[in-house]
Amino acid sequence: MLTVIAIIAILAAITLVTFPMAQARAADARAINGMQQLRTAAEAYGGAYGNYTSMASDDTVSSLISEIEANIPGSVTLNITAVTGADYCASASLNAGSRTWCVDSTLFSGYDYVCGTGTVCATP
């Protein structure tokens, strides 16, 4: 009987340790999915208007950014080429470790890139 209680206690301790990590990974998966949707919305916006100049004020884009920010510890960085609006870049810090996810107007998306000062994803 005591052995069964000890095994249950060990399993409960393992679950309590791994549960927060699983939650962080799930939030990161939701954020990455949102970033992919943001890229699709940005491309639709660019196709409709010929540039990305006012994309940040678009309702769909704003809504997606809010959804992404609900799943990450910080905020989404969105850079748009100032004069022409020809390019954009969006990056977000994730929950698990110090990883980031970045998407840009070249249709690139990937881990450990950020927008920085430009409008394409680059290594930090």
N, C-alpha and C. Protein backbone atom coordinates (compact mmCIF):
# COMPACT_ATOMS: atom_id res chain seq x y z
N MET A 1 0.82 -1.19 0.00
CA MET A 1 0.00 0.00 0.00
C MET A 1 0.87 1.26 0.00
N LEU A 2 1.90 1.24 0.83
CA LEU A 2 2.80 2.38 0.92
C LEU A 2 3.54 2.59 -0.40
N THR A 3 3.86 1.53 -1.07
CA THR A 3 4.54 1.61 -2.37
C THR A 3 3.64 2.31 -3.40
N VAL A 4 2.38 1.99 -3.41
CA VAL A 4 1.44 2.60 -4.34
C VAL A 4 1.34 4.10 -4.08
N ILE A 5 1.28 4.50 -2.84
CA ILE A 5 1.20 5.92 -2.48
C ILE A 5 2.48 6.64 -2.91
N ALA A 6 3.63 6.01 -2.72
CA ALA A 6 4.91 6.60 -3.11
C ALA A 6 4.98 6.78 -4.63
N ILE A 7 4.51 5.80 -5.38
CA ILE A 7 4.51 5.89 -6.84
C ILE A 7 3.58 7.01 -7.30
N ILE A 8 2.42 7.11 -6.70
CA ILE A 8 1.48 8.19 -7.05
C ILE A 8 2.09 9.55 -6.73
N ALA A 9 2.76 9.66 -5.60
CA ALA A 9 3.40 10.92 -5.22
C ALA A 9 4.49 11.31 -6.21
N ILE A 10 5.28 10.36 -6.65
CA ILE A 10 6.35 10.61 -7.63
C ILE A 10 5.75 11.07 -8.96
N LEU A 11 4.72 10.38 -9.41
CA LEU A 11 4.06 10.75 -10.66
C LEU A 11 3.43 12.14 -10.57
N ALA A 12 2.84 12.46 -9.42
CA ALA A 12 2.26 13.79 -9.23
C ALA A 12 3.34 14.86 -9.25
N ALA A 13 4.48 14.60 -8.65
CA ALA A 13 5.58 15.57 -8.64
C ALA A 13 6.11 15.80 -10.05
N ILE A 14 6.24 14.75 -10.83
CA ILE A 14 6.70 14.88 -12.22
C ILE A 14 5.71 15.71 -13.02
N THR A 15 4.43 15.46 -12.83
CA THR A 15 3.39 16.19 -13.56
C THR A 15 3.42 17.68 -13.20
N LEU A 16 3.59 17.98 -11.91
CA LEU A 16 3.61 19.38 -11.47
C LEU A 16 4.81 20.13 -12.04
N VAL A 17 5.92 19.44 -12.26
CA VAL A 17 7.11 20.07 -12.81
C VAL A 17 6.96 20.29 -14.32
N THR A 18 6.39 19.34 -15.03
CA THR A 18 6.32 19.44 -16.50
C THR A 18 5.10 20.22 -16.99
N PHE A 19 4.09 20.40 -16.17
CA PHE A 19 2.87 21.09 -16.61
C PHE A 19 3.11 22.53 -17.04
N PRO A 20 3.86 23.35 -16.27
CA PRO A 20 4.12 24.73 -16.73
C PRO A 20 4.89 24.79 -18.05
N MET A 21 5.83 23.86 -18.25
CA MET A 21 6.57 23.84 -19.52
C MET A 21 5.64 23.52 -20.68
N ALA A 22 4.72 22.60 -20.45
CA ALA A 22 3.76 22.25 -21.51
C ALA A 22 2.85 23.43 -21.82
N GLN A 23 2.45 24.17 -20.79
CA GLN A 23 1.62 25.36 -21.01
C GLN A 23 2.38 26.41 -21.81
N ALA A 24 3.66 26.62 -21.51
CA ALA A 24 4.47 27.59 -22.25
C ALA A 24 4.62 27.19 -23.70
N ARG A 25 4.84 25.90 -23.94
CA ARG A 25 4.97 25.42 -25.32
C ARG A 25 3.66 25.57 -26.08
N ALA A 26 2.55 25.32 -25.43
CA ALA A 26 1.24 25.48 -26.08
C ALA A 26 0.99 26.95 -26.42
N ALA A 27 1.34 27.85 -25.51
CA ALA A 27 1.19 29.28 -25.77
C ALA A 27 2.09 29.70 -26.93
N ASP A 28 3.30 29.16 -27.00
CA ASP A 28 4.20 29.47 -28.11
C ASP A 28 3.63 28.96 -29.43
N ALA A 29 3.04 27.78 -29.42
CA ALA A 29 2.43 27.24 -30.65
C ALA A 29 1.29 28.14 -31.12
N ARG A 30 0.49 28.64 -30.17
CA ARG A 30 -0.59 29.57 -30.54
C ARG A 30 -0.03 30.88 -31.09
N ALA A 31 1.05 31.36 -30.49
CA ALA A 31 1.67 32.61 -30.96
C ALA A 31 2.26 32.44 -32.36
N ILE A 32 2.93 31.32 -32.60
CA ILE A 32 3.52 31.08 -33.92
C ILE A 32 2.41 30.95 -34.96
N ASN A 33 1.34 30.26 -34.62
CA ASN A 33 0.20 30.15 -35.54
C ASN A 33 -0.36 31.54 -35.84
N GLY A 34 -0.47 32.38 -34.80
CA GLY A 34 -0.94 33.74 -35.00
C GLY A 34 -0.01 34.55 -35.89
N MET A 35 1.31 34.35 -35.73
CA MET A 35 2.27 35.05 -36.58
C MET A 35 2.13 34.62 -38.04
N GLN A 36 1.86 33.34 -38.26
CA GLN A 36 1.65 32.86 -39.63
C GLN A 36 0.38 33.49 -40.20
N GLN A 37 -0.66 33.59 -39.39
CA GLN A 37 -1.89 34.24 -39.83
C GLN A 37 -1.65 35.73 -40.10
N LEU A 38 -0.81 36.35 -39.27
CA LEU A 38 -0.46 37.75 -39.47
C LEU A 38 0.22 37.95 -40.81
N ARG A 39 1.12 37.04 -41.15
CA ARG A 39 1.81 37.14 -42.45
C ARG A 39 0.80 37.02 -43.58
N THR A 40 -0.15 36.09 -43.47
CA THR A 40 -1.18 35.93 -44.50
C THR A 40 -2.04 37.19 -44.61
N ALA A 41 -2.43 37.75 -43.46
CA ALA A 41 -3.23 38.98 -43.47
C ALA A 41 -2.44 40.14 -44.07
N ALA A 42 -1.14 40.21 -43.76
CA ALA A 42 -0.30 41.28 -44.31
C ALA A 42 -0.19 41.16 -45.82
N GLU A 43 -0.03 39.95 -46.31
CA GLU A 43 0.07 39.76 -47.75
C GLU A 43 -1.25 40.10 -48.44
N ALA A 44 -2.36 39.75 -47.80
CA ALA A 44 -3.68 40.12 -48.36
C ALA A 44 -3.83 41.64 -48.37
N TYR A 45 -3.40 42.29 -47.30
CA TYR A 45 -3.46 43.75 -47.22
C TYR A 45 -2.59 44.38 -48.32
N GLY A 46 -1.37 43.88 -48.44
CA GLY A 46 -0.45 44.39 -49.47
C GLY A 46 -1.00 44.17 -50.87
N GLY A 47 -1.64 43.05 -51.10
CA GLY A 47 -2.24 42.78 -52.41
C GLY A 47 -3.41 43.71 -52.69
N ALA A 48 -4.17 44.03 -51.68
CA ALA A 48 -5.34 44.89 -51.87
C ALA A 48 -4.96 46.36 -52.04
N TYR A 49 -3.95 46.82 -51.31
CA TYR A 49 -3.61 48.25 -51.30
C TYR A 49 -2.30 48.58 -52.00
N GLY A 50 -1.56 47.58 -52.42
CA GLY A 50 -0.31 47.83 -53.15
C GLY A 50 0.89 48.13 -52.27
N ASN A 51 0.69 48.26 -50.96
CA ASN A 51 1.80 48.47 -50.02
C ASN A 51 1.31 48.12 -48.61
N TYR A 52 2.23 48.24 -47.65
CA TYR A 52 1.90 47.88 -46.27
C TYR A 52 1.83 49.11 -45.36
N THR A 53 1.81 50.31 -45.93
CA THR A 53 1.96 51.55 -45.17
C THR A 53 1.04 51.65 -43.96
N SER A 54 -0.25 51.44 -44.11
CA SER A 54 -1.20 51.59 -43.00
C SER A 54 -1.67 50.25 -42.45
N MET A 55 -0.91 49.21 -42.69
CA MET A 55 -1.31 47.86 -42.29
C MET A 55 -1.55 47.74 -40.79
N ALA A 56 -0.77 48.45 -39.98
CA ALA A 56 -0.90 48.34 -38.52
C ALA A 56 -2.26 48.79 -38.02
N SER A 57 -2.94 49.65 -38.76
CA SER A 57 -4.25 50.13 -38.33
C SER A 57 -5.40 49.30 -38.90
N ASP A 58 -5.08 48.29 -39.70
CA ASP A 58 -6.11 47.40 -40.25
C ASP A 58 -6.71 46.57 -39.12
N ASP A 59 -8.04 46.42 -39.11
CA ASP A 59 -8.73 45.70 -38.03
C ASP A 59 -8.26 44.26 -37.89
N THR A 60 -8.10 43.56 -39.02
CA THR A 60 -7.67 42.16 -38.97
C THR A 60 -6.27 42.05 -38.39
N VAL A 61 -5.36 42.89 -38.86
CA VAL A 61 -3.98 42.87 -38.37
C VAL A 61 -3.93 43.22 -36.89
N SER A 62 -4.65 44.26 -36.49
CA SER A 62 -4.68 44.66 -35.07
C SER A 62 -5.22 43.54 -34.19
N SER A 63 -6.26 42.88 -34.65
CA SER A 63 -6.86 41.78 -33.89
C SER A 63 -5.86 40.63 -33.74
N LEU A 64 -5.17 40.29 -34.82
CA LEU A 64 -4.18 39.21 -34.76
C LEU A 64 -3.04 39.56 -33.82
N ILE A 65 -2.57 40.80 -33.87
CA ILE A 65 -1.49 41.21 -32.97
C ILE A 65 -1.95 41.09 -31.52
N SER A 66 -3.18 41.48 -31.23
CA SER A 66 -3.70 41.35 -29.85
C SER A 66 -3.76 39.88 -29.42
N GLU A 67 -4.20 39.01 -30.32
CA GLU A 67 -4.26 37.57 -30.00
C GLU A 67 -2.87 37.01 -29.74
N ILE A 68 -1.90 37.41 -30.56
CA ILE A 68 -0.53 36.93 -30.37
C ILE A 68 0.01 37.42 -29.03
N GLU A 69 -0.20 38.70 -28.73
CA GLU A 69 0.32 39.27 -27.50
C GLU A 69 -0.31 38.66 -26.25
N ALA A 70 -1.49 38.07 -26.39
CA ALA A 70 -2.12 37.39 -25.26
C ALA A 70 -1.38 36.09 -24.91
N ASN A 71 -0.53 35.60 -25.81
CA ASN A 71 0.17 34.33 -25.61
C ASN A 71 1.67 34.48 -25.39
N ILE A 72 2.19 35.70 -25.40
CA ILE A 72 3.63 35.88 -25.26
C ILE A 72 3.93 36.83 -24.10
N PRO A 73 5.17 36.81 -23.60
CA PRO A 73 5.50 37.67 -22.46
C PRO A 73 5.64 39.15 -22.80
N GLY A 74 5.83 39.50 -24.04
CA GLY A 74 6.04 40.90 -24.42
C GLY A 74 5.04 41.35 -25.46
N SER A 75 5.54 42.13 -26.41
CA SER A 75 4.67 42.61 -27.47
C SER A 75 5.27 42.26 -28.83
N VAL A 76 4.45 42.36 -29.86
CA VAL A 76 4.89 42.08 -31.22
C VAL A 76 5.59 43.33 -31.76
N THR A 77 6.77 43.14 -32.35
CA THR A 77 7.47 44.22 -33.02
C THR A 77 7.02 44.20 -34.48
N LEU A 78 6.49 45.32 -34.97
CA LEU A 78 6.04 45.41 -36.36
C LEU A 78 6.73 46.60 -37.00
N ASN A 79 7.61 46.33 -37.97
CA ASN A 79 8.30 47.38 -38.70
C ASN A 79 7.78 47.42 -40.13
N ILE A 80 7.49 48.62 -40.62
CA ILE A 80 7.02 48.82 -42.00
C ILE A 80 7.91 49.89 -42.62
N THR A 81 8.36 49.67 -43.87
CA THR A 81 9.18 50.66 -44.54
C THR A 81 8.47 52.00 -44.50
N ALA A 82 9.15 53.00 -43.95
CA ALA A 82 8.51 54.29 -43.63
C ALA A 82 7.92 55.01 -44.84
N VAL A 83 8.66 55.22 -45.88
CA VAL A 83 8.20 56.07 -46.97
C VAL A 83 7.31 55.32 -47.95
N THR A 84 7.79 54.20 -48.45
CA THR A 84 7.06 53.49 -49.50
C THR A 84 6.11 52.43 -48.98
N GLY A 85 6.35 51.93 -47.78
CA GLY A 85 5.51 50.84 -47.27
C GLY A 85 5.67 49.57 -48.06
N ALA A 86 6.83 49.41 -48.71
CA ALA A 86 7.04 48.27 -49.60
C ALA A 86 7.35 46.98 -48.87
N ASP A 87 7.80 47.06 -47.62
CA ASP A 87 8.21 45.87 -46.88
C ASP A 87 7.71 45.94 -45.44
N TYR A 88 7.63 44.78 -44.81
CA TYR A 88 7.28 44.72 -43.39
C TYR A 88 8.03 43.59 -42.73
N CYS A 89 8.09 43.64 -41.42
CA CYS A 89 8.68 42.59 -40.61
C CYS A 89 7.94 42.57 -39.28
N ALA A 90 7.64 41.39 -38.76
CA ALA A 90 7.01 41.25 -37.46
C ALA A 90 7.73 40.16 -36.68
N SER A 91 8.06 40.44 -35.42
CA SER A 91 8.72 39.43 -34.59
C SER A 91 8.13 39.45 -33.19
N ALA A 92 8.25 38.33 -32.50
CA ALA A 92 7.71 38.20 -31.15
C ALA A 92 8.62 37.29 -30.33
N SER A 93 8.82 37.65 -29.06
CA SER A 93 9.55 36.79 -28.13
C SER A 93 8.60 35.71 -27.64
N LEU A 94 9.10 34.49 -27.56
CA LEU A 94 8.28 33.37 -27.12
C LEU A 94 8.49 33.09 -25.64
N ASN A 95 7.66 32.23 -25.08
CA ASN A 95 7.71 31.88 -23.66
C ASN A 95 8.85 30.93 -23.32
N ALA A 96 9.07 29.94 -24.17
CA ALA A 96 10.05 28.89 -23.88
C ALA A 96 11.47 29.39 -24.17
N GLY A 97 12.24 29.60 -23.14
CA GLY A 97 13.61 30.06 -23.31
C GLY A 97 13.66 31.48 -23.83
N SER A 98 14.70 31.78 -24.57
CA SER A 98 14.86 33.13 -25.12
C SER A 98 14.66 33.12 -26.63
N ARG A 99 13.75 32.30 -27.10
CA ARG A 99 13.52 32.18 -28.53
C ARG A 99 12.57 33.25 -29.04
N THR A 100 12.69 33.56 -30.32
CA THR A 100 11.80 34.50 -30.99
C THR A 100 11.28 33.86 -32.27
N TRP A 101 10.21 34.43 -32.81
CA TRP A 101 9.66 33.98 -34.09
C TRP A 101 9.49 35.24 -34.95
N CYS A 102 9.87 35.15 -36.20
CA CYS A 102 9.84 36.32 -37.07
C CYS A 102 9.21 35.96 -38.42
N VAL A 103 8.43 36.88 -38.97
CA VAL A 103 7.88 36.76 -40.33
C VAL A 103 8.14 38.08 -41.05
N ASP A 104 8.30 38.03 -42.39
CA ASP A 104 8.51 39.27 -43.12
C ASP A 104 7.93 39.20 -44.52
N SER A 105 8.05 40.30 -45.26
CA SER A 105 7.44 40.42 -46.58
C SER A 105 8.15 39.61 -47.65
N THR A 106 9.29 38.98 -47.32
CA THR A 106 9.93 38.07 -48.27
C THR A 106 9.34 36.66 -48.13
N LEU A 107 8.32 36.53 -47.27
CA LEU A 107 7.64 35.28 -46.93
C LEU A 107 8.49 34.35 -46.07
N PHE A 108 9.53 34.91 -45.45
CA PHE A 108 10.36 34.16 -44.51
C PHE A 108 9.63 34.05 -43.18
N SER A 109 9.80 32.94 -42.51
CA SER A 109 9.38 32.79 -41.12
C SER A 109 10.32 31.82 -40.45
N GLY A 110 10.67 32.10 -39.20
CA GLY A 110 11.56 31.19 -38.51
C GLY A 110 11.89 31.60 -37.10
N TYR A 111 12.49 30.64 -36.37
CA TYR A 111 12.94 30.85 -34.99
C TYR A 111 14.20 31.68 -34.95
N ASP A 112 14.36 32.40 -33.83
CA ASP A 112 15.60 33.07 -33.47
C ASP A 112 16.01 34.18 -34.43
N TYR A 113 15.04 34.81 -35.08
CA TYR A 113 15.26 36.00 -35.89
C TYR A 113 14.42 37.12 -35.30
N VAL A 114 14.85 38.36 -35.51
CA VAL A 114 14.10 39.53 -35.05
C VAL A 114 14.08 40.57 -36.16
N CYS A 115 13.20 41.55 -36.01
CA CYS A 115 13.13 42.62 -37.00
C CYS A 115 14.30 43.59 -36.87
N GLY A 116 14.69 43.89 -35.67
CA GLY A 116 15.75 44.86 -35.49
C GLY A 116 15.33 46.22 -36.03
N THR A 117 16.20 46.84 -36.80
CA THR A 117 15.87 48.15 -37.36
C THR A 117 15.39 48.04 -38.80
N GLY A 118 15.44 46.86 -39.37
CA GLY A 118 15.06 46.70 -40.78
C GLY A 118 13.68 46.13 -40.96
N THR A 119 13.36 45.85 -42.19
CA THR A 119 12.04 45.30 -42.50
C THR A 119 12.15 43.87 -43.03
N VAL A 120 13.26 43.20 -42.74
CA VAL A 120 13.38 41.78 -43.00
C VAL A 120 13.93 41.12 -41.74
N CYS A 121 13.60 39.85 -41.56
CA CYS A 121 14.07 39.12 -40.38
C CYS A 121 15.59 38.97 -40.45
N ALA A 122 16.25 39.17 -39.33
CA ALA A 122 17.70 39.04 -39.26
C ALA A 122 18.08 38.43 -37.93
N THR A 123 19.26 37.87 -37.86
CA THR A 123 19.72 37.33 -36.58
C THR A 123 20.02 38.48 -35.64
N PRO A 124 19.72 38.30 -34.35
CA PRO A 124 19.94 39.41 -33.39
C PRO A 124 21.41 39.70 -33.18
